């Protein structure tokens, strides 16, 4: 077992390596069906949605039902899955589906077929980062990491050695397949969220829950 000094040294080394890594920035996702419609989000928009599209005449109050399609695994060259296994991907896709469905049920009826007053929602998993086991949690409780993550929390930045979730949302009018809303997003838990740092995929699962609730607010 590492001593306190050994743990601190390990954290310092991990911080140095993390600082040297290339930032994992959200990309336009050129293989999406809505790629041609996506544009850099305007100033003041949600920074977690760097590329987006919104039909100016969308009347969200006209819709009461949602056709939620199966989650798609993004296959474009700009996917960001790192060393994730196929099982990791299946787990995150399941979390994305269940989280968005639970959020949408707060306002809409979930249906299996297109029809009047129905939105069609397509979710695409485009990438995720896993938590660094043990170290992601230690950075939130030991002084050397707590200070750094407190600063990150104040600026709403991703926690040190913590994971994230990248995905795309495309919303259509189910009656005519007209695109109403689309965006690519990168979400991550708060930098001081200990519970989201315990398992390697817990950050992605937490981000999925947050993303579902954010979409519900977005469709207004």
C-alpha atoms as a PDB file:
ATOM      1  CA  UNK A   1       0.000   0.000   0.000  1.00  0.00           C
ATOM      2  CA  UNK A   2       1.292   3.456  -0.863  1.00  0.00           C
ATOM      3  CA  UNK A   3       2.246   5.838   1.921  1.00  0.00           C
ATOM      4  CA  UNK A   4       0.800   9.333   2.023  1.00  0.00           C
ATOM      5  CA  UNK A   5       4.034  10.649   0.469  1.00  0.00           C
ATOM      6  CA  UNK A   6       3.907   7.965  -2.214  1.00  0.00           C
ATOM      7  CA  UNK A   7       0.307   8.778  -3.039  1.00  0.00           C
ATOM      8  CA  UNK A   8       1.087  12.482  -3.298  1.00  0.00           C
ATOM      9  CA  UNK A   9       4.013  11.762  -5.603  1.00  0.00           C
ATOM     10  CA  UNK A  10       1.834   9.554  -7.762  1.00  0.00           C
ATOM     11  CA  UNK A  11      -0.791  12.272  -8.014  1.00  0.00           C
ATOM     12  CA  UNK A  12       1.826  14.844  -8.968  1.00  0.00           C
ATOM     13  CA  UNK A  13       3.111  12.593 -11.732  1.00  0.00           C
ATOM     14  CA  UNK A  14      -0.428  11.970 -12.959  1.00  0.00           C
ATOM     15  CA  UNK A  15      -1.135  15.703 -13.048  1.00  0.00           C
ATOM     16  CA  UNK A  16       1.991  16.314 -15.105  1.00  0.00           C
ATOM     17  CA  UNK A  17       0.997  13.642 -17.623  1.00  0.00           C
ATOM     18  CA  UNK A  18      -2.561  14.929 -17.778  1.00  0.00           C
ATOM     19  CA  UNK A  19      -1.294  18.446 -18.367  1.00  0.00           C
ATOM     20  CA  UNK A  20       0.796  17.286 -21.298  1.00  0.00           C
ATOM     21  CA  UNK A  21      -2.047  15.426 -22.980  1.00  0.00           C
ATOM     22  CA  UNK A  22      -3.816  16.880 -25.980  1.00  0.00           C
ATOM     23  CA  UNK A  23      -7.263  18.195 -24.949  1.00  0.00           C
ATOM     24  CA  UNK A  24     -10.107  15.978 -26.123  1.00  0.00           C
ATOM     25  CA  UNK A  25     -12.236  18.623 -27.790  1.00  0.00           C
ATOM     26  CA  UNK A  26     -15.654  18.004 -29.320  1.00  0.00           C
ATOM     27  CA  UNK A  27     -15.505  17.755 -33.108  1.00  0.00           C
ATOM     28  CA  UNK A  28     -18.097  18.600 -35.795  1.00  0.00           C
ATOM     29  CA  UNK A  29     -18.818  14.867 -36.408  1.00  0.00           C
ATOM     30  CA  UNK A  30     -18.768  14.871 -40.175  1.00  0.00           C
ATOM     31  CA  UNK A  31     -20.489  11.486 -40.558  1.00  0.00           C
ATOM     32  CA  UNK A  32     -23.745  12.610 -38.904  1.00  0.00           C
ATOM     33  CA  UNK A  33     -26.861  12.922 -41.044  1.00  0.00           C
ATOM     34  CA  UNK A  34     -27.170  16.529 -39.839  1.00  0.00           C
ATOM     35  CA  UNK A  35     -23.489  17.406 -40.421  1.00  0.00           C
ATOM     36  CA  UNK A  36     -24.243  19.842 -43.248  1.00  0.00           C
ATOM     37  CA  UNK A  37     -26.638  21.764 -40.978  1.00  0.00           C
ATOM     38  CA  UNK A  38     -24.355  22.033 -37.953  1.00  0.00           C
ATOM     39  CA  UNK A  39     -22.498  25.287 -37.367  1.00  0.00           C
ATOM     40  CA  UNK A  40     -20.432  26.694 -34.501  1.00  0.00           C
ATOM     41  CA  UNK A  41     -22.817  27.670 -31.722  1.00  0.00           C
ATOM     42  CA  UNK A  42     -23.298  31.429 -31.260  1.00  0.00           C
ATOM     43  CA  UNK A  43     -21.645  33.366 -28.462  1.00  0.00           C
ATOM     44  CA  UNK A  44     -23.446  32.893 -25.183  1.00  0.00           C
ATOM     45  CA  UNK A  45     -24.765  29.437 -26.088  1.00  0.00           C
ATOM     46  CA  UNK A  46     -24.160  26.384 -23.918  1.00  0.00           C
ATOM     47  CA  UNK A  47     -20.382  25.751 -24.142  1.00  0.00           C
ATOM     48  CA  UNK A  48     -21.097  22.020 -23.927  1.00  0.00           C
ATOM     49  CA  UNK A  49     -22.698  22.266 -27.381  1.00  0.00           C
ATOM     50  CA  UNK A  50     -19.968  23.661 -29.651  1.00  0.00           C
ATOM     51  CA  UNK A  51     -21.851  22.832 -32.877  1.00  0.00           C
ATOM     52  CA  UNK A  52     -25.589  23.093 -33.281  1.00  0.00           C
ATOM     53  CA  UNK A  53     -28.617  23.742 -35.461  1.00  0.00           C
ATOM     54  CA  UNK A  54     -32.095  24.951 -34.528  1.00  0.00           C
ATOM     55  CA  UNK A  55     -35.018  25.496 -36.883  1.00  0.00           C
ATOM     56  CA  UNK A  56     -36.178  29.044 -36.219  1.00  0.00           C
ATOM     57  CA  UNK A  57     -39.849  28.170 -36.665  1.00  0.00           C
ATOM     58  CA  UNK A  58     -39.939  25.038 -34.489  1.00  0.00           C
ATOM     59  CA  UNK A  59     -43.051  25.022 -32.275  1.00  0.00           C
ATOM     60  CA  UNK A  60     -42.095  22.704 -29.447  1.00  0.00           C
ATOM     61  CA  UNK A  61     -45.421  23.030 -27.666  1.00  0.00           C
ATOM     62  CA  UNK A  62     -47.090  21.329 -30.644  1.00  0.00           C
ATOM     63  CA  UNK A  63     -45.434  18.014 -29.750  1.00  0.00           C
ATOM     64  CA  UNK A  64     -46.590  15.618 -27.064  1.00  0.00           C
ATOM     65  CA  UNK A  65     -44.912  12.345 -28.065  1.00  0.00           C
ATOM     66  CA  UNK A  66     -41.378  11.162 -28.827  1.00  0.00           C
ATOM     67  CA  UNK A  67     -40.204   8.297 -31.000  1.00  0.00           C
ATOM     68  CA  UNK A  68     -36.841   7.444 -29.450  1.00  0.00           C
ATOM     69  CA  UNK A  69     -34.723   5.524 -31.915  1.00  0.00           C
ATOM     70  CA  UNK A  70     -32.013   3.021 -30.842  1.00  0.00           C
ATOM     71  CA  UNK A  71     -28.756   4.705 -29.881  1.00  0.00           C
ATOM     72  CA  UNK A  72     -26.267   4.736 -32.757  1.00  0.00           C
ATOM     73  CA  UNK A  73     -22.548   4.062 -32.298  1.00  0.00           C
ATOM     74  CA  UNK A  74     -20.687   6.690 -34.296  1.00  0.00           C
ATOM     75  CA  UNK A  75     -18.397   5.213 -36.938  1.00  0.00           C
ATOM     76  CA  UNK A  76     -16.824   8.366 -38.371  1.00  0.00           C
ATOM     77  CA  UNK A  77     -13.073   8.914 -38.471  1.00  0.00           C
ATOM     78  CA  UNK A  78     -13.454  11.663 -35.859  1.00  0.00           C
ATOM     79  CA  UNK A  79     -14.891   9.335 -33.192  1.00  0.00           C
ATOM     80  CA  UNK A  80     -13.228   9.628 -29.764  1.00  0.00           C
ATOM     81  CA  UNK A  81     -13.351   6.278 -27.968  1.00  0.00           C
ATOM     82  CA  UNK A  82      -9.697   5.879 -27.014  1.00  0.00           C
ATOM     83  CA  UNK A  83      -9.028   2.388 -25.676  1.00  0.00           C
ATOM     84  CA  UNK A  84     -12.676   1.657 -24.825  1.00  0.00           C
ATOM     85  CA  UNK A  85     -13.746  -1.959 -25.254  1.00  0.00           C
ATOM     86  CA  UNK A  86     -16.889  -3.085 -27.059  1.00  0.00           C
ATOM     87  CA  UNK A  87     -18.442  -3.835 -23.665  1.00  0.00           C
ATOM     88  CA  UNK A  88     -17.622  -0.309 -22.455  1.00  0.00           C
ATOM     89  CA  UNK A  89     -19.372   1.089 -25.509  1.00  0.00           C
ATOM     90  CA  UNK A  90     -22.455  -1.085 -24.963  1.00  0.00           C
ATOM     91  CA  UNK A  91     -22.695   0.023 -21.346  1.00  0.00           C
ATOM     92  CA  UNK A  92     -22.437   3.710 -22.187  1.00  0.00           C
ATOM     93  CA  UNK A  93     -24.946   3.379 -25.039  1.00  0.00           C
ATOM     94  CA  UNK A  94     -27.397   1.735 -22.618  1.00  0.00           C
ATOM     95  CA  UNK A  95     -26.862   4.540 -20.094  1.00  0.00           C
ATOM     96  CA  UNK A  96     -27.426   7.152 -22.785  1.00  0.00           C
ATOM     97  CA  UNK A  97     -30.681   5.514 -23.875  1.00  0.00           C
ATOM     98  CA  UNK A  98     -32.092   4.983 -20.384  1.00  0.00           C
ATOM     99  CA  UNK A  99     -31.140   8.449 -19.142  1.00  0.00           C
ATOM    100  CA  UNK A 100     -32.670  10.306 -22.075  1.00  0.00           C
ATOM    101  CA  UNK A 101     -35.801   8.164 -22.034  1.00  0.00           C
ATOM    102  CA  UNK A 102     -36.299   8.796 -18.312  1.00  0.00           C
ATOM    103  CA  UNK A 103     -35.901  12.543 -18.805  1.00  0.00           C
ATOM    104  CA  UNK A 104     -38.215  12.734 -21.830  1.00  0.00           C
ATOM    105  CA  UNK A 105     -40.953  10.794 -20.015  1.00  0.00           C
ATOM    106  CA  UNK A 106     -41.338  13.765 -17.693  1.00  0.00           C
ATOM    107  CA  UNK A 107     -43.055  15.661 -20.507  1.00  0.00           C
ATOM    108  CA  UNK A 108     -43.686  13.330 -23.446  1.00  0.00           C
ATOM    109  CA  UNK A 109     -45.267   9.991 -24.158  1.00  0.00           C
ATOM    110  CA  UNK A 110     -42.669   7.588 -25.565  1.00  0.00           C
ATOM    111  CA  UNK A 111     -44.033   5.828 -28.668  1.00  0.00           C
ATOM    112  CA  UNK A 112     -42.866   3.162 -31.116  1.00  0.00           C
ATOM    113  CA  UNK A 113     -44.276   4.602 -34.333  1.00  0.00           C
ATOM    114  CA  UNK A 114     -44.327   8.017 -36.038  1.00  0.00           C
ATOM    115  CA  UNK A 115     -47.541   9.972 -35.903  1.00  0.00           C
ATOM    116  CA  UNK A 116     -49.030  13.424 -35.360  1.00  0.00           C
ATOM    117  CA  UNK A 117     -47.551  15.701 -32.717  1.00  0.00           C
ATOM    118  CA  UNK A 118     -44.532  13.383 -32.519  1.00  0.00           C
ATOM    119  CA  UNK A 119     -40.823  14.112 -32.423  1.00  0.00           C
ATOM    120  CA  UNK A 120     -38.263  11.581 -33.643  1.00  0.00           C
ATOM    121  CA  UNK A 121     -35.073  11.597 -31.612  1.00  0.00           C
ATOM    122  CA  UNK A 122     -31.793  10.053 -32.702  1.00  0.00           C
ATOM    123  CA  UNK A 123     -28.926   9.774 -30.212  1.00  0.00           C
ATOM    124  CA  UNK A 124     -25.418   8.989 -31.410  1.00  0.00           C
ATOM    125  CA  UNK A 125     -22.608   8.055 -29.062  1.00  0.00           C
ATOM    126  CA  UNK A 126     -19.524   9.736 -30.524  1.00  0.00           C
ATOM    127  CA  UNK A 127     -16.983   9.123 -27.777  1.00  0.00           C
ATOM    128  CA  UNK A 128     -16.207   9.040 -24.084  1.00  0.00           C
ATOM    129  CA  UNK A 129     -13.301   9.191 -21.674  1.00  0.00           C
ATOM    130  CA  UNK A 130     -13.020   6.813 -18.733  1.00  0.00           C
ATOM    131  CA  UNK A 131     -12.103   7.819 -15.196  1.00  0.00           C
ATOM    132  CA  UNK A 132      -8.570   6.954 -14.172  1.00  0.00           C
ATOM    133  CA  UNK A 133      -9.204   4.280 -11.501  1.00  0.00           C
ATOM    134  CA  UNK A 134      -8.541   5.383  -7.896  1.00  0.00           C
ATOM    135  CA  UNK A 135      -6.642   8.520  -8.905  1.00  0.00           C
ATOM    136  CA  UNK A 136      -9.770  10.265 -10.168  1.00  0.00           C
ATOM    137  CA  UNK A 137     -11.282   9.889  -6.689  1.00  0.00           C
ATOM    138  CA  UNK A 138      -8.109  10.774  -4.797  1.00  0.00           C
ATOM    139  CA  UNK A 139      -7.848  14.075  -6.681  1.00  0.00           C
ATOM    140  CA  UNK A 140     -11.138  15.096  -5.088  1.00  0.00           C
ATOM    141  CA  UNK A 141     -10.250  14.300  -1.495  1.00  0.00           C
ATOM    142  CA  UNK A 142      -6.497  14.788  -1.018  1.00  0.00           C
ATOM    143  CA  UNK A 143      -5.254  18.396  -0.662  1.00  0.00           C
ATOM    144  CA  UNK A 144      -3.073  18.517  -3.772  1.00  0.00           C
ATOM    145  CA  UNK A 145      -5.943  17.393  -5.988  1.00  0.00           C
ATOM    146  CA  UNK A 146      -8.747  19.094  -4.071  1.00  0.00           C
ATOM    147  CA  UNK A 147      -7.232  22.519  -4.634  1.00  0.00           C
ATOM    148  CA  UNK A 148      -6.839  21.931  -8.351  1.00  0.00           C
ATOM    149  CA  UNK A 149     -10.328  20.498  -8.759  1.00  0.00           C
ATOM    150  CA  UNK A 150     -11.866  23.303  -6.710  1.00  0.00           C
ATOM    151  CA  UNK A 151     -10.477  25.756  -9.251  1.00  0.00           C
ATOM    152  CA  UNK A 152     -11.768  23.605 -12.112  1.00  0.00           C
ATOM    153  CA  UNK A 153     -15.186  23.455 -10.437  1.00  0.00           C
ATOM    154  CA  UNK A 154     -15.316  27.247 -10.186  1.00  0.00           C
ATOM    155  CA  UNK A 155     -14.708  27.491 -13.938  1.00  0.00           C
ATOM    156  CA  UNK A 156     -16.999  24.554 -14.778  1.00  0.00           C
ATOM    157  CA  UNK A 157     -14.096  22.577 -16.224  1.00  0.00           C
ATOM    158  CA  UNK A 158     -13.619  18.810 -16.433  1.00  0.00           C
ATOM    159  CA  UNK A 159     -12.130  17.260 -13.308  1.00  0.00           C
ATOM    160  CA  UNK A 160      -8.556  16.010 -13.255  1.00  0.00           C
ATOM    161  CA  UNK A 161      -8.246  12.397 -14.442  1.00  0.00           C
ATOM    162  CA  UNK A 162     -12.042  12.241 -14.685  1.00  0.00           C
ATOM    163  CA  UNK A 163     -14.096  11.002 -17.619  1.00  0.00           C
ATOM    164  CA  UNK A 164     -16.573  12.591 -19.989  1.00  0.00           C
ATOM    165  CA  UNK A 165     -19.248  11.767 -22.541  1.00  0.00           C
ATOM    166  CA  UNK A 166     -19.521  12.980 -26.153  1.00  0.00           C
ATOM    167  CA  UNK A 167     -22.691  12.482 -28.153  1.00  0.00           C
ATOM    168  CA  UNK A 168     -24.930  13.960 -30.827  1.00  0.00           C
ATOM    169  CA  UNK A 169     -28.655  14.689 -30.722  1.00  0.00           C
ATOM    170  CA  UNK A 170     -30.832  15.000 -33.825  1.00  0.00           C
ATOM    171  CA  UNK A 171     -34.515  15.856 -33.435  1.00  0.00           C
ATOM    172  CA  UNK A 172     -36.962  15.549 -36.327  1.00  0.00           C
ATOM    173  CA  UNK A 173     -40.656  16.033 -36.913  1.00  0.00           C
ATOM    174  CA  UNK A 174     -41.680  12.372 -37.142  1.00  0.00           C
ATOM    175  CA  UNK A 175     -44.437  13.083 -39.671  1.00  0.00           C
ATOM    176  CA  UNK A 176     -42.126  14.453 -42.379  1.00  0.00           C
ATOM    177  CA  UNK A 177     -38.531  13.862 -41.151  1.00  0.00           C
ATOM    178  CA  UNK A 178     -37.820  17.573 -41.087  1.00  0.00           C
ATOM    179  CA  UNK A 179     -34.787  18.387 -38.924  1.00  0.00           C
ATOM    180  CA  UNK A 180     -35.757  20.708 -36.077  1.00  0.00           C
ATOM    181  CA  UNK A 181     -32.788  20.570 -33.727  1.00  0.00           C
ATOM    182  CA  UNK A 182     -29.312  19.066 -33.777  1.00  0.00           C
ATOM    183  CA  UNK A 183     -26.133  19.457 -31.790  1.00  0.00           C
ATOM    184  CA  UNK A 184     -22.959  17.703 -30.737  1.00  0.00           C
ATOM    185  CA  UNK A 185     -22.130  17.832 -27.062  1.00  0.00           C
ATOM    186  CA  UNK A 186     -19.466  16.991 -24.544  1.00  0.00           C
ATOM    187  CA  UNK A 187     -20.553  16.670 -20.921  1.00  0.00           C
ATOM    188  CA  UNK A 188     -18.786  15.731 -17.706  1.00  0.00           C
ATOM    189  CA  UNK A 189     -19.639  15.721 -14.001  1.00  0.00           C
ATOM    190  CA  UNK A 190     -18.646  18.526 -11.695  1.00  0.00           C
ATOM    191  CA  UNK A 191     -14.941  18.465 -10.883  1.00  0.00           C
ATOM    192  CA  UNK A 192     -15.710  17.773  -7.197  1.00  0.00           C
ATOM    193  CA  UNK A 193     -18.301  15.036  -7.807  1.00  0.00           C
ATOM    194  CA  UNK A 194     -16.816  12.092  -5.895  1.00  0.00           C
ATOM    195  CA  UNK A 195     -19.648   9.676  -6.715  1.00  0.00           C
ATOM    196  CA  UNK A 196     -19.061  10.098 -10.450  1.00  0.00           C
ATOM    197  CA  UNK A 197     -15.380   9.179 -10.090  1.00  0.00           C
ATOM    198  CA  UNK A 198     -15.599   5.739  -8.473  1.00  0.00           C
ATOM    199  CA  UNK A 199     -16.055   3.416 -11.455  1.00  0.00           C
ATOM    200  CA  UNK A 200     -14.293   3.838 -14.779  1.00  0.00           C
ATOM    201  CA  UNK A 201     -17.581   4.634 -16.583  1.00  0.00           C
ATOM    202  CA  UNK A 202     -19.361   6.527 -13.786  1.00  0.00           C
ATOM    203  CA  UNK A 203     -18.485   9.936 -15.232  1.00  0.00           C
ATOM    204  CA  UNK A 204     -20.045   8.993 -18.578  1.00  0.00           C
ATOM    205  CA  UNK A 205     -23.174   7.667 -16.843  1.00  0.00           C
ATOM    206  CA  UNK A 206     -23.542  10.853 -14.794  1.00  0.00           C
ATOM    207  CA  UNK A 207     -23.039  12.978 -17.899  1.00  0.00           C
ATOM    208  CA  UNK A 208     -25.768  10.980 -19.670  1.00  0.00           C
ATOM    209  CA  UNK A 209     -28.248  11.770 -16.895  1.00  0.00           C
ATOM    210  CA  UNK A 210     -27.326  15.456 -17.014  1.00  0.00           C
ATOM    211  CA  UNK A 211     -27.596  15.461 -20.810  1.00  0.00           C
ATOM    212  CA  UNK A 212     -31.088  14.016 -20.783  1.00  0.00           C
ATOM    213  CA  UNK A 213     -32.353  16.677 -18.402  1.00  0.00           C
ATOM    214  CA  UNK A 214     -30.589  19.394 -20.390  1.00  0.00           C
ATOM    215  CA  UNK A 215     -32.333  18.263 -23.578  1.00  0.00           C
ATOM    216  CA  UNK A 216     -35.700  18.466 -21.847  1.00  0.00           C
ATOM    217  CA  UNK A 217     -34.979  22.123 -21.029  1.00  0.00           C
ATOM    218  CA  UNK A 218     -33.680  22.702 -24.545  1.00  0.00           C
ATOM    219  CA  UNK A 219     -36.896  21.670 -26.296  1.00  0.00           C
ATOM    220  CA  UNK A 220     -38.844  24.780 -25.325  1.00  0.00           C
END
